[in-house]
Amino acid sequence: MRVDQMERDATVVDFTARLLTGLVRTGNIDALHQALPEALPWTTFLPEADIDTLISELVATASGAVALDNLAPIALLLTQWRHSAEVYADPALLAILTRDHEGDLGPVPAPGTAE
């Protein structure tokens, strides 16, 4: 990617991050709630409380990412939330991941040491 393209992209992301922050700070979170399903259609499957958390994390992450000139944290955050939506969209998977387990399931081996 060329430097001038990266600078243009950074300007757009900076504007977007500041706009999101301004909307949240001025109490216009309802506008974000209404626009989010159009921008991220998979948010339809997230519980309402998770939508609030997503917006909060997105604002904070976007501001931090712009300050670092690194958009990767925003992409990672959106990917993580999309995976959460995929779980909520699949009733069988949601049931498996949220079922009550009886007692402690024991120690978890460190990665690479499983028997």
PDB file of N, CA and C in Angstrom:
ATOM      1  N   MET A   1       0.839  -1.169   0.000  1.00  0.00           N
ATOM      2  CA  MET A   1       0.000   0.000   0.000  1.00  0.00           C
ATOM      3  C   MET A   1       0.893   1.243   0.000  1.00  0.00           C
ATOM      4  N   ARG A   2       0.498   2.219  -0.765  1.00  0.00           N
ATOM      5  CA  ARG A   2       1.284   3.442  -0.848  1.00  0.00           C
ATOM      6  C   ARG A   2       1.073   4.308   0.392  1.00  0.00           C
ATOM      7  N   VAL A   3       2.064   5.116   0.722  1.00  0.00           N
ATOM      8  CA  VAL A   3       2.016   5.970   1.903  1.00  0.00           C
ATOM      9  C   VAL A   3       0.847   6.946   1.825  1.00  0.00           C
ATOM     10  N   ASP A   4       0.614   7.541   0.654  1.00  0.00           N
ATOM     11  CA  ASP A   4      -0.476   8.509   0.546  1.00  0.00           C
ATOM     12  C   ASP A   4      -1.831   7.846   0.777  1.00  0.00           C
ATOM     13  N   GLN A   5      -1.985   6.600   0.341  1.00  0.00           N
ATOM     14  CA  GLN A   5      -3.233   5.866   0.589  1.00  0.00           C
ATOM     15  C   GLN A   5      -3.391   5.573   2.079  1.00  0.00           C
ATOM     16  N   MET A   6      -2.310   5.177   2.737  1.00  0.00           N
ATOM     17  CA  MET A   6      -2.364   4.920   4.176  1.00  0.00           C
ATOM     18  C   MET A   6      -2.746   6.181   4.934  1.00  0.00           C
ATOM     19  N   GLU A   7      -2.220   7.320   4.533  1.00  0.00           N
ATOM     20  CA  GLU A   7      -2.540   8.581   5.202  1.00  0.00           C
ATOM     21  C   GLU A   7      -4.009   8.940   5.007  1.00  0.00           C
ATOM     22  N   ARG A   8      -4.537   8.708   3.820  1.00  0.00           N
ATOM     23  CA  ARG A   8      -5.968   8.968   3.570  1.00  0.00           C
ATOM     24  C   ARG A   8      -6.831   8.041   4.415  1.00  0.00           C
ATOM     25  N   ASP A   9      -6.459   6.780   4.468  1.00  0.00           N
ATOM     26  CA  ASP A   9      -7.215   5.826   5.281  1.00  0.00           C
ATOM     27  C   ASP A   9      -7.189   6.228   6.754  1.00  0.00           C
ATOM     28  N   ALA A  10      -6.021   6.637   7.228  1.00  0.00           N
ATOM     29  CA  ALA A  10      -5.890   7.054   8.623  1.00  0.00           C
ATOM     30  C   ALA A  10      -6.763   8.267   8.918  1.00  0.00           C
ATOM     31  N   THR A  11      -6.868   9.186   7.958  1.00  0.00           N
ATOM     32  CA  THR A  11      -7.709  10.373   8.133  1.00  0.00           C
ATOM     33  C   THR A  11      -9.174   9.970   8.265  1.00  0.00           C
ATOM     34  N   VAL A  12      -9.610   9.043   7.440  1.00  0.00           N
ATOM     35  CA  VAL A  12     -11.002   8.576   7.491  1.00  0.00           C
ATOM     36  C   VAL A  12     -11.283   7.863   8.808  1.00  0.00           C
ATOM     37  N   VAL A  13     -10.373   7.018   9.239  1.00  0.00           N
ATOM     38  CA  VAL A  13     -10.577   6.295  10.492  1.00  0.00           C
ATOM     39  C   VAL A  13     -10.546   7.262  11.670  1.00  0.00           C
ATOM     40  N   ASP A  14      -9.659   8.238  11.639  1.00  0.00           N
ATOM     41  CA  ASP A  14      -9.597   9.236  12.704  1.00  0.00           C
ATOM     42  C   ASP A  14     -10.930   9.983  12.795  1.00  0.00           C
ATOM     43  N   PHE A  15     -11.457  10.406  11.655  1.00  0.00           N
ATOM     44  CA  PHE A  15     -12.753  11.086  11.633  1.00  0.00           C
ATOM     45  C   PHE A  15     -13.841  10.188  12.216  1.00  0.00           C
ATOM     46  N   THR A  16     -13.870   8.939  11.787  1.00  0.00           N
ATOM     47  CA  THR A  16     -14.892   8.001  12.240  1.00  0.00           C
ATOM     48  C   THR A  16     -14.799   7.771  13.743  1.00  0.00           C
ATOM     49  N   ALA A  17     -13.591   7.593  14.246  1.00  0.00           N
ATOM     50  CA  ALA A  17     -13.395   7.384  15.679  1.00  0.00           C
ATOM     51  C   ALA A  17     -13.867   8.600  16.469  1.00  0.00           C
ATOM     52  N   ARG A  18     -13.529   9.782  15.994  1.00  0.00           N
ATOM     53  CA  ARG A  18     -13.956  11.003  16.685  1.00  0.00           C
ATOM     54  C   ARG A  18     -15.475  11.190  16.610  1.00  0.00           C
ATOM     55  N   LEU A  19     -16.063  10.826  15.484  1.00  0.00           N
ATOM     56  CA  LEU A  19     -17.513  10.917  15.341  1.00  0.00           C
ATOM     57  C   LEU A  19     -18.209   9.966  16.314  1.00  0.00           C
ATOM     58  N   LEU A  20     -17.743   8.732  16.384  1.00  0.00           N
ATOM     59  CA  LEU A  20     -18.312   7.761  17.321  1.00  0.00           C
ATOM     60  C   LEU A  20     -18.175   8.250  18.758  1.00  0.00           C
ATOM     61  N   THR A  21     -17.002   8.740  19.098  1.00  0.00           N
ATOM     62  CA  THR A  21     -16.764   9.247  20.450  1.00  0.00           C
ATOM     63  C   THR A  21     -17.708  10.401  20.758  1.00  0.00           C
ATOM     64  N   GLY A  22     -17.858  11.312  19.813  1.00  0.00           N
ATOM     65  CA  GLY A  22     -18.752  12.445  20.007  1.00  0.00           C
ATOM     66  C   GLY A  22     -20.202  12.019  20.186  1.00  0.00           C
ATOM     67  N   LEU A  23     -20.642  11.059  19.403  1.00  0.00           N
ATOM     68  CA  LEU A  23     -22.015  10.568  19.537  1.00  0.00           C
ATOM     69  C   LEU A  23     -22.250   9.945  20.903  1.00  0.00           C
ATOM     70  N   VAL A  24     -21.301   9.168  21.379  1.00  0.00           N
ATOM     71  CA  VAL A  24     -21.440   8.532  22.688  1.00  0.00           C
ATOM     72  C   VAL A  24     -21.400   9.588  23.788  1.00  0.00           C
ATOM     73  N   ARG A  25     -20.459  10.504  23.703  1.00  0.00           N
ATOM     74  CA  ARG A  25     -20.284  11.527  24.746  1.00  0.00           C
ATOM     75  C   ARG A  25     -21.503  12.441  24.852  1.00  0.00           C
ATOM     76  N   THR A  26     -22.151  12.747  23.731  1.00  0.00           N
ATOM     77  CA  THR A  26     -23.293  13.658  23.750  1.00  0.00           C
ATOM     78  C   THR A  26     -24.621  12.940  23.974  1.00  0.00           C
ATOM     79  N   GLY A  27     -24.560  11.663  24.289  1.00  0.00           N
ATOM     80  CA  GLY A  27     -25.781  10.932  24.613  1.00  0.00           C
ATOM     81  C   GLY A  27     -26.582  10.465  23.412  1.00  0.00           C
ATOM     82  N   ASN A  28     -25.981  10.434  22.253  1.00  0.00           N
ATOM     83  CA  ASN A  28     -26.680   9.982  21.037  1.00  0.00           C
ATOM     84  C   ASN A  28     -26.433   8.511  20.751  1.00  0.00           C
ATOM     85  N   ILE A  29     -26.342   7.738  21.798  1.00  0.00           N
ATOM     86  CA  ILE A  29     -26.054   6.317  21.628  1.00  0.00           C
ATOM     87  C   ILE A  29     -27.203   5.612  20.900  1.00  0.00           C
ATOM     88  N   ASP A  30     -28.420   6.162  21.010  1.00  0.00           N
ATOM     89  CA  ASP A  30     -29.556   5.562  20.294  1.00  0.00           C
ATOM     90  C   ASP A  30     -29.331   5.591  18.785  1.00  0.00           C
ATOM     91  N   ALA A  31     -28.706   6.657  18.303  1.00  0.00           N
ATOM     92  CA  ALA A  31     -28.401   6.740  16.869  1.00  0.00           C
ATOM     93  C   ALA A  31     -27.451   5.626  16.461  1.00  0.00           C
ATOM     94  N   LEU A  32     -26.470   5.331  17.309  1.00  0.00           N
ATOM     95  CA  LEU A  32     -25.549   4.229  17.018  1.00  0.00           C
ATOM     96  C   LEU A  32     -26.275   2.892  17.049  1.00  0.00           C
ATOM     97  N   HIS A  33     -27.159   2.724  18.017  1.00  0.00           N
ATOM     98  CA  HIS A  33     -27.936   1.480  18.096  1.00  0.00           C
ATOM     99  C   HIS A  33     -28.756   1.269  16.818  1.00  0.00           C
ATOM    100  N   GLN A  34     -29.319   2.343  16.302  1.00  0.00           N
ATOM    101  CA  GLN A  34     -30.139   2.226  15.098  1.00  0.00           C
ATOM    102  C   GLN A  34     -29.303   1.973  13.846  1.00  0.00           C
ATOM    103  N   ALA A  35     -28.105   2.564  13.782  1.00  0.00           N
ATOM    104  CA  ALA A  35     -27.265   2.438  12.586  1.00  0.00           C
ATOM    105  C   ALA A  35     -26.436   1.163  12.572  1.00  0.00           C
ATOM    106  N   LEU A  36     -26.169   0.598  13.728  1.00  0.00           N
ATOM    107  CA  LEU A  36     -25.264  -0.546  13.818  1.00  0.00           C
ATOM    108  C   LEU A  36     -25.698  -1.748  12.970  1.00  0.00           C
ATOM    109  N   PRO A  37     -26.975  -2.141  12.966  1.00  0.00           N
ATOM    110  CA  PRO A  37     -27.358  -3.305  12.143  1.00  0.00           C
ATOM    111  C   PRO A  37     -27.123  -3.106  10.645  1.00  0.00           C
ATOM    112  N   GLU A  38     -27.137  -1.866  10.203  1.00  0.00           N
ATOM    113  CA  GLU A  38     -26.849  -1.619   8.791  1.00  0.00           C
ATOM    114  C   GLU A  38     -25.347  -1.721   8.525  1.00  0.00           C
ATOM    115  N   ALA A  39     -24.553  -1.200   9.457  1.00  0.00           N
ATOM    116  CA  ALA A  39     -23.098  -1.232   9.289  1.00  0.00           C
ATOM    117  C   ALA A  39     -22.533  -2.622   9.551  1.00  0.00           C
ATOM    118  N   LEU A  40     -23.093  -3.302  10.537  1.00  0.00           N
ATOM    119  CA  LEU A  40     -22.629  -4.646  10.922  1.00  0.00           C
ATOM    120  C   LEU A  40     -23.869  -5.541  11.074  1.00  0.00           C
ATOM    121  N   PRO A  41     -24.381  -6.092   9.979  1.00  0.00           N
ATOM    122  CA  PRO A  41     -25.642  -6.853  10.035  1.00  0.00           C
ATOM    123  C   PRO A  41     -25.651  -7.997  11.043  1.00  0.00           C
ATOM    124  N   TRP A  42     -24.500  -8.575  11.316  1.00  0.00           N
ATOM    125  CA  TRP A  42     -24.446  -9.700  12.253  1.00  0.00           C
ATOM    126  C   TRP A  42     -24.744  -9.286  13.689  1.00  0.00           C
ATOM    127  N   THR A  43     -24.753  -7.986  14.002  1.00  0.00           N
ATOM    128  CA  THR A  43     -25.077  -7.556  15.369  1.00  0.00           C
ATOM    129  C   THR A  43     -26.521  -7.872  15.731  1.00  0.00           C
ATOM    130  N   THR A  44     -27.327  -8.200  14.741  1.00  0.00           N
ATOM    131  CA  THR A  44     -28.707  -8.600  14.983  1.00  0.00           C
ATOM    132  C   THR A  44     -28.787  -9.766  15.963  1.00  0.00           C
ATOM    133  N   PHE A  45     -27.785 -10.602  15.979  1.00  0.00           N
ATOM    134  CA  PHE A  45     -27.800 -11.796  16.819  1.00  0.00           C
ATOM    135  C   PHE A  45     -27.247 -11.573  18.224  1.00  0.00           C
ATOM    136  N   LEU A  46     -26.677 -10.412  18.485  1.00  0.00           N
ATOM    137  CA  LEU A  46     -26.112 -10.130  19.804  1.00  0.00           C
ATOM    138  C   LEU A  46     -27.199  -9.666  20.767  1.00  0.00           C
ATOM    139  N   PRO A  47     -27.104 -10.074  22.031  1.00  0.00           N
ATOM    140  CA  PRO A  47     -28.034  -9.548  23.045  1.00  0.00           C
ATOM    141  C   PRO A  47     -27.837  -8.035  23.207  1.00  0.00           C
ATOM    142  N   GLU A  48     -28.877  -7.352  23.630  1.00  0.00           N
ATOM    143  CA  GLU A  48     -28.842  -5.888  23.764  1.00  0.00           C
ATOM    144  C   GLU A  48     -27.697  -5.414  24.649  1.00  0.00           C
ATOM    145  N   ALA A  49     -27.452  -6.094  25.761  1.00  0.00           N
ATOM    146  CA  ALA A  49     -26.353  -5.691  26.653  1.00  0.00           C
ATOM    147  C   ALA A  49     -25.008  -5.799  25.933  1.00  0.00           C
ATOM    148  N   ASP A  50     -24.861  -6.764  25.069  1.00  0.00           N
ATOM    149  CA  ASP A  50     -23.615  -6.916  24.321  1.00  0.00           C
ATOM    150  C   ASP A  50     -23.441  -5.806  23.291  1.00  0.00           C
ATOM    151  N   ILE A  51     -24.540  -5.299  22.762  1.00  0.00           N
ATOM    152  CA  ILE A  51     -24.463  -4.188  21.806  1.00  0.00           C
ATOM    153  C   ILE A  51     -23.843  -2.970  22.490  1.00  0.00           C
ATOM    154  N   ASP A  52     -24.279  -2.694  23.717  1.00  0.00           N
ATOM    155  CA  ASP A  52     -23.704  -1.576  24.471  1.00  0.00           C
ATOM    156  C   ASP A  52     -22.210  -1.775  24.698  1.00  0.00           C
ATOM    157  N   THR A  53     -21.825  -2.989  25.027  1.00  0.00           N
ATOM    158  CA  THR A  53     -20.405  -3.288  25.252  1.00  0.00           C
ATOM    159  C   THR A  53     -19.624  -3.160  23.950  1.00  0.00           C
ATOM    160  N   LEU A  54     -20.176  -3.658  22.853  1.00  0.00           N
ATOM    161  CA  LEU A  54     -19.525  -3.540  21.548  1.00  0.00           C
ATOM    162  C   LEU A  54     -19.281  -2.075  21.202  1.00  0.00           C
ATOM    163  N   ILE A  55     -20.288  -1.250  21.366  1.00  0.00           N
ATOM    164  CA  ILE A  55     -20.135   0.175  21.040  1.00  0.00           C
ATOM    165  C   ILE A  55     -19.053   0.806  21.905  1.00  0.00           C
ATOM    166  N   SER A  56     -19.074   0.519  23.178  1.00  0.00           N
ATOM    167  CA  SER A  56     -18.070   1.073  24.092  1.00  0.00           C
ATOM    168  C   SER A  56     -16.665   0.629  23.704  1.00  0.00           C
ATOM    169  N   GLU A  57     -16.503  -0.657  23.434  1.00  0.00           N
ATOM    170  CA  GLU A  57     -15.192  -1.177  23.053  1.00  0.00           C
ATOM    171  C   GLU A  57     -14.750  -0.635  21.699  1.00  0.00           C
ATOM    172  N   LEU A  58     -15.689  -0.487  20.786  1.00  0.00           N
ATOM    173  CA  LEU A  58     -15.355   0.020  19.460  1.00  0.00           C
ATOM    174  C   LEU A  58     -14.859   1.465  19.530  1.00  0.00           C
ATOM    175  N   VAL A  59     -15.523   2.286  20.317  1.00  0.00           N
ATOM    176  CA  VAL A  59     -15.101   3.679  20.468  1.00  0.00           C
ATOM    177  C   VAL A  59     -13.702   3.745  21.065  1.00  0.00           C
ATOM    178  N   ALA A  60     -13.475   3.010  22.143  1.00  0.00           N
ATOM    179  CA  ALA A  60     -12.167   3.032  22.802  1.00  0.00           C
ATOM    180  C   ALA A  60     -11.073   2.474  21.891  1.00  0.00           C
ATOM    181  N   THR A  61     -11.354   1.374  21.233  1.00  0.00           N
ATOM    182  CA  THR A  61     -10.357   0.739  20.366  1.00  0.00           C
ATOM    183  C   THR A  61     -10.045   1.608  19.157  1.00  0.00           C
ATOM    184  N   ALA A  62     -11.073   2.194  18.559  1.00  0.00           N
ATOM    185  CA  ALA A  62     -10.846   3.054  17.398  1.00  0.00           C
ATOM    186  C   ALA A  62      -9.992   4.258  17.772  1.00  0.00           C
ATOM    187  N   SER A  63     -10.270   4.861  18.903  1.00  0.00           N
ATOM    188  CA  SER A  63      -9.463   6.003  19.345  1.00  0.00           C
ATOM    189  C   SER A  63      -8.017   5.603  19.583  1.00  0.00           C
ATOM    190  N   GLY A  64      -7.810   4.477  20.249  1.00  0.00           N
ATOM    191  CA  GLY A  64      -6.455   4.001  20.497  1.00  0.00           C
ATOM    192  C   GLY A  64      -5.730   3.607  19.225  1.00  0.00           C
ATOM    193  N   ALA A  65      -6.435   2.959  18.324  1.00  0.00           N
ATOM    194  CA  ALA A  65      -5.815   2.517  17.074  1.00  0.00           C
ATOM    195  C   ALA A  65      -5.379   3.706  16.226  1.00  0.00           C
ATOM    196  N   VAL A  66      -6.206   4.733  16.191  1.00  0.00           N
ATOM    197  CA  VAL A  66      -5.844   5.940  15.438  1.00  0.00           C
ATOM    198  C   VAL A  66      -4.601   6.574  16.037  1.00  0.00           C
ATOM    199  N   ALA A  67      -4.532   6.618  17.355  1.00  0.00           N
ATOM    200  CA  ALA A  67      -3.371   7.217  18.023  1.00  0.00           C
ATOM    201  C   ALA A  67      -2.087   6.470  17.691  1.00  0.00           C
ATOM    202  N   LEU A  68      -2.217   5.173  17.421  1.00  0.00           N
ATOM    203  CA  LEU A  68      -1.049   4.349  17.092  1.00  0.00           C
ATOM    204  C   LEU A  68      -0.814   4.226  15.584  1.00  0.00           C
ATOM    205  N   ASP A  69      -1.695   4.801  14.786  1.00  0.00           N
ATOM    206  CA  ASP A  69      -1.633   4.619  13.333  1.00  0.00           C
ATOM    207  C   ASP A  69      -1.621   3.142  12.969  1.00  0.00           C
ATOM    208  N   ASN A  70      -2.456   2.373  13.654  1.00  0.00           N
ATOM    209  CA  ASN A  70      -2.513   0.930  13.448  1.00  0.00           C
ATOM    210  C   ASN A  70      -3.980   0.502  13.510  1.00  0.00           C
ATOM    211  N   LEU A  71      -4.554   0.114  12.384  1.00  0.00           N
ATOM    212  CA  LEU A  71      -5.959  -0.254  12.323  1.00  0.00           C
ATOM    213  C   LEU A  71      -6.226  -1.706  12.711  1.00  0.00           C
ATOM    214  N   ALA A  72      -5.176  -2.480  12.913  1.00  0.00           N
ATOM    215  CA  ALA A  72      -5.343  -3.898  13.234  1.00  0.00           C
ATOM    216  C   ALA A  72      -6.204  -4.138  14.476  1.00  0.00           C
ATOM    217  N   PRO A  73      -6.071  -3.337  15.540  1.00  0.00           N
ATOM    218  CA  PRO A  73      -6.927  -3.592  16.709  1.00  0.00           C
ATOM    219  C   PRO A  73      -8.421  -3.468  16.419  1.00  0.00           C
ATOM    220  N   ILE A  74      -8.788  -2.579  15.508  1.00  0.00           N
ATOM    221  CA  ILE A  74     -10.201  -2.432  15.150  1.00  0.00           C
ATOM    222  C   ILE A  74     -10.677  -3.680  14.416  1.00  0.00           C
ATOM    223  N   ALA A  75      -9.887  -4.138  13.475  1.00  0.00           N
ATOM    224  CA  ALA A  75     -10.249  -5.344  12.720  1.00  0.00           C
ATOM    225  C   ALA A  75     -10.350  -6.551  13.652  1.00  0.00           C
ATOM    226  N   LEU A  76      -9.428  -6.665  14.589  1.00  0.00           N
ATOM    227  CA  LEU A  76      -9.455  -7.778  15.542  1.00  0.00           C
ATOM    228  C   LEU A  76     -10.712  -7.716  16.404  1.00  0.00           C
ATOM    229  N   LEU A  77     -11.028  -6.534  16.920  1.00  0.00           N
ATOM    230  CA  LEU A  77     -12.217  -6.379  17.757  1.00  0.00           C
ATOM    231  C   LEU A  77     -13.479  -6.772  16.992  1.00  0.00           C
ATOM    232  N   LEU A  78     -13.613  -6.305  15.758  1.00  0.00           N
ATOM    233  CA  LEU A  78     -14.797  -6.642  14.965  1.00  0.00           C
ATOM    234  C   LEU A  78     -14.870  -8.139  14.666  1.00  0.00           C
ATOM    235  N   THR A  79     -13.725  -8.748  14.427  1.00  0.00           N
ATOM    236  CA  THR A  79     -13.695 -10.198  14.193  1.00  0.00           C
ATOM    237  C   THR A  79     -14.144 -10.954  15.442  1.00  0.00           C
ATOM    238  N   GLN A  80     -13.663 -10.533  16.602  1.00  0.00           N
ATOM    239  CA  GLN A  80     -14.047 -11.196  17.853  1.00  0.00           C
ATOM    240  C   GLN A  80     -15.543 -11.071  18.106  1.00  0.00           C
ATOM    241  N   TRP A  81     -16.094  -9.876  17.897  1.00  0.00           N
ATOM    242  CA  TRP A  81     -17.533  -9.696  18.105  1.00  0.00           C
ATOM    243  C   TRP A  81     -18.347 -10.461  17.063  1.00  0.00           C
ATOM    244  N   ARG A  82     -17.827 -10.555  15.857  1.00  0.00           N
ATOM    245  CA  ARG A  82     -18.544 -11.327  14.834  1.00  0.00           C
ATOM    246  C   ARG A  82     -18.616 -12.807  15.239  1.00  0.00           C
ATOM    247  N   HIS A  83     -17.539 -13.319  15.797  1.00  0.00           N
ATOM    248  CA  HIS A  83     -17.554 -14.708  16.267  1.00  0.00           C
ATOM    249  C   HIS A  83     -18.563 -14.895  17.398  1.00  0.00           C
ATOM    250  N   SER A  84     -18.671 -13.901  18.270  1.00  0.00           N
ATOM    251  CA  SER A  84     -19.685 -13.972  19.331  1.00  0.00           C
ATOM    252  C   SER A  84     -21.084 -14.024  18.720  1.00  0.00           C
ATOM    253  N   ALA A  85     -21.322 -13.203  17.704  1.00  0.00           N
ATOM    254  CA  ALA A  85     -22.623 -13.211  17.034  1.00  0.00           C
ATOM    255  C   ALA A  85     -22.897 -14.565  16.389  1.00  0.00           C
ATOM    256  N   GLU A  86     -21.861 -15.189  15.835  1.00  0.00           N
ATOM    257  CA  GLU A  86     -22.022 -16.516  15.224  1.00  0.00           C
ATOM    258  C   GLU A  86     -22.472 -17.534  16.263  1.00  0.00           C
ATOM    259  N   VAL A  87     -21.947 -17.429  17.473  1.00  0.00           N
ATOM    260  CA  VAL A  87     -22.357 -18.347  18.544  1.00  0.00           C
ATOM    261  C   VAL A  87     -23.820 -18.109  18.900  1.00  0.00           C
ATOM    262  N   TYR A  88     -24.202 -16.838  19.091  1.00  0.00           N
ATOM    263  CA  TYR A  88     -25.592 -16.536  19.434  1.00  0.00           C
ATOM    264  C   TYR A  88     -26.560 -16.925  18.317  1.00  0.00           C
ATOM    265  N   ALA A  89     -26.107 -16.913  17.087  1.00  0.00           N
ATOM    266  CA  ALA A  89     -26.968 -17.253  15.954  1.00  0.00           C
ATOM    267  C   ALA A  89     -27.214 -18.749  15.835  1.00  0.00           C
ATOM    268  N   ASP A  90     -26.404 -19.563  16.495  1.00  0.00           N
ATOM    269  CA  ASP A  90     -26.513 -21.020  16.411  1.00  0.00           C
ATOM    270  C   ASP A  90     -26.993 -21.559  17.753  1.00  0.00           C
ATOM    271  N   PRO A  91     -28.294 -21.855  17.883  1.00  0.00           N
ATOM    272  CA  PRO A  91     -28.830 -22.293  19.182  1.00  0.00           C
ATOM    273  C   PRO A  91     -28.119 -23.521  19.751  1.00  0.00           C
ATOM    274  N   ALA A  92     -27.724 -24.466  18.915  1.00  0.00           N
ATOM    275  CA  ALA A  92     -27.057 -25.670  19.410  1.00  0.00           C
ATOM    276  C   ALA A  92     -25.682 -25.315  19.981  1.00  0.00           C
ATOM    277  N   LEU A  93     -24.931 -24.496  19.274  1.00  0.00           N
ATOM    278  CA  LEU A  93     -23.611 -24.091  19.755  1.00  0.00           C
ATOM    279  C   LEU A  93     -23.732 -23.250  21.016  1.00  0.00           C
ATOM    280  N   LEU A  94     -24.696 -22.345  21.065  1.00  0.00           N
ATOM    281  CA  LEU A  94     -24.906 -21.525  22.254  1.00  0.00           C
ATOM    282  C   LEU A  94     -25.225 -22.400  23.461  1.00  0.00           C
ATOM    283  N   ALA A  95     -26.048 -23.422  23.259  1.00  0.00           N
ATOM    284  CA  ALA A  95     -26.399 -24.325  24.355  1.00  0.00           C
ATOM    285  C   ALA A  95     -25.172 -25.079  24.863  1.00  0.00           C
ATOM    286  N   ILE A  96     -24.334 -25.521  23.963  1.00  0.00           N
ATOM    287  CA  ILE A  96     -23.119 -26.242  24.360  1.00  0.00           C
ATOM    288  C   ILE A  96     -22.191 -25.339  25.164  1.00  0.00           C
ATOM    289  N   LEU A  97     -22.017 -24.111  24.697  1.00  0.00           N
ATOM    290  CA  LEU A  97     -21.062 -23.203  25.331  1.00  0.00           C
ATOM    291  C   LEU A  97     -21.575 -22.560  26.611  1.00  0.00           C
ATOM    292  N   THR A  98     -22.884 -22.572  26.820  1.00  0.00           N
ATOM    293  CA  THR A  98     -23.430 -21.926  28.011  1.00  0.00           C
ATOM    294  C   THR A  98     -24.063 -22.900  28.996  1.00  0.00           C
ATOM    295  N   ARG A  99     -23.975 -24.183  28.730  1.00  0.00           N
ATOM    296  CA  ARG A  99     -24.602 -25.135  29.645  1.00  0.00           C
ATOM    297  C   ARG A  99     -23.856 -25.151  30.979  1.00  0.00           C
ATOM    298  N   ASP A 100     -24.589 -25.488  32.013  1.00  0.00           N
ATOM    299  CA  ASP A 100     -24.031 -25.551  33.356  1.00  0.00           C
ATOM    300  C   ASP A 100     -23.239 -26.842  33.501  1.00  0.00           C
ATOM    301  N   HIS A 101     -22.015 -26.703  33.965  1.00  0.00           N
ATOM    302  CA  HIS A 101     -21.175 -27.877  34.200  1.00  0.00           C
ATOM    303  C   HIS A 101     -21.176 -28.194  35.676  1.00  0.00           C
ATOM    304  N   GLU A 102     -21.221 -29.451  35.984  1.00  0.00           N
ATOM    305  CA  GLU A 102     -21.237 -29.880  37.374  1.00  0.00           C
ATOM    306  C   GLU A 102     -19.822 -29.854  37.934  1.00  0.00           C
ATOM    307  N   GLY A 103     -19.547 -28.910  38.794  1.00  0.00           N
ATOM    308  CA  GLY A 103     -18.249 -28.868  39.461  1.00  0.00           C
ATOM    309  C   GLY A 103     -17.113 -28.452  38.548  1.00  0.00           C
ATOM    310  N   ASP A 104     -15.932 -28.583  39.072  1.00  0.00           N
ATOM    311  CA  ASP A 104     -14.702 -28.230  38.359  1.00  0.00           C
ATOM    312  C   ASP A 104     -14.359 -29.342  37.383  1.00  0.00           C
ATOM    313  N   LEU A 105     -14.000 -28.974  36.185  1.00  0.00           N
ATOM    314  CA  LEU A 105     -13.657 -29.960  35.174  1.00  0.00           C
ATOM    315  C   LEU A 105     -12.180 -30.336  35.214  1.00  0.00           C
ATOM    316  N   GLY A 106     -11.458 -29.844  36.194  1.00  0.00           N
ATOM    317  CA  GLY A 106     -10.052 -30.222  36.356  1.00  0.00           C
ATOM    318  C   GLY A 106      -9.103 -29.232  35.701  1.00  0.00           C
ATOM    319  N   PRO A 107      -7.817 -29.491  35.900  1.00  0.00           N
ATOM    320  CA  PRO A 107      -6.804 -28.575  35.349  1.00  0.00           C
ATOM    321  C   PRO A 107      -6.754 -28.650  33.827  1.00  0.00           C
ATOM    322  N   VAL A 108      -6.369 -27.548  33.248  1.00  0.00           N
ATOM    323  CA  VAL A 108      -6.208 -27.471  31.793  1.00  0.00           C
ATOM    324  C   VAL A 108      -4.725 -27.500  31.494  1.00  0.00           C
ATOM    325  N   PRO A 109      -4.273 -28.450  30.660  1.00  0.00           N
ATOM    326  CA  PRO A 109      -2.852 -28.500  30.352  1.00  0.00           C
ATOM    327  C   PRO A 109      -2.412 -27.281  29.525  1.00  0.00           C
ATOM    328  N   ALA A 110      -1.178 -26.887  29.695  1.00  0.00           N
ATOM    329  CA  ALA A 110      -0.632 -25.785  28.914  1.00  0.00           C
ATOM    330  C   ALA A 110      -0.614 -26.192  27.451  1.00  0.00           C
ATOM    331  N   PRO A 111      -0.760 -25.212  26.534  1.00  0.00           N
ATOM    332  CA  PRO A 111      -0.724 -25.543  25.111  1.00  0.00           C
ATOM    333  C   PRO A 111       0.552 -26.312  24.736  1.00  0.00           C
ATOM    334  N   GLY A 112       0.381 -27.314  23.931  1.00  0.00           N
ATOM    335  CA  GLY A 112       1.519 -28.104  23.488  1.00  0.00           C
ATOM    336  C   GLY A 112       1.906 -29.245  24.428  1.00  0.00           C
ATOM    337  N   THR A 113       1.234 -29.335  25.601  1.00  0.00           N
ATOM    338  CA  THR A 113       1.568 -30.403  26.551  1.00  0.00           C
ATOM    339  C   THR A 113       0.436 -31.385  26.731  1.00  0.00           C
ATOM    340  N   ALA A 114      -0.614 -31.259  25.899  1.00  0.00           N
ATOM    341  CA  ALA A 114      -1.763 -32.159  26.045  1.00  0.00           C
ATOM    342  C   ALA A 114      -1.323 -33.591  25.777  1.00  0.00           C
ATOM    343  N   GLU A 115      -1.927 -34.470  26.545  1.00  0.00           N
ATOM    344  CA  GLU A 115      -1.567 -35.898  26.394  1.00  0.00           C
ATOM    345  C   GLU A 115      -2.429 -36.585  25.405  1.00  0.00           C
TER     346      GLU A 115
END
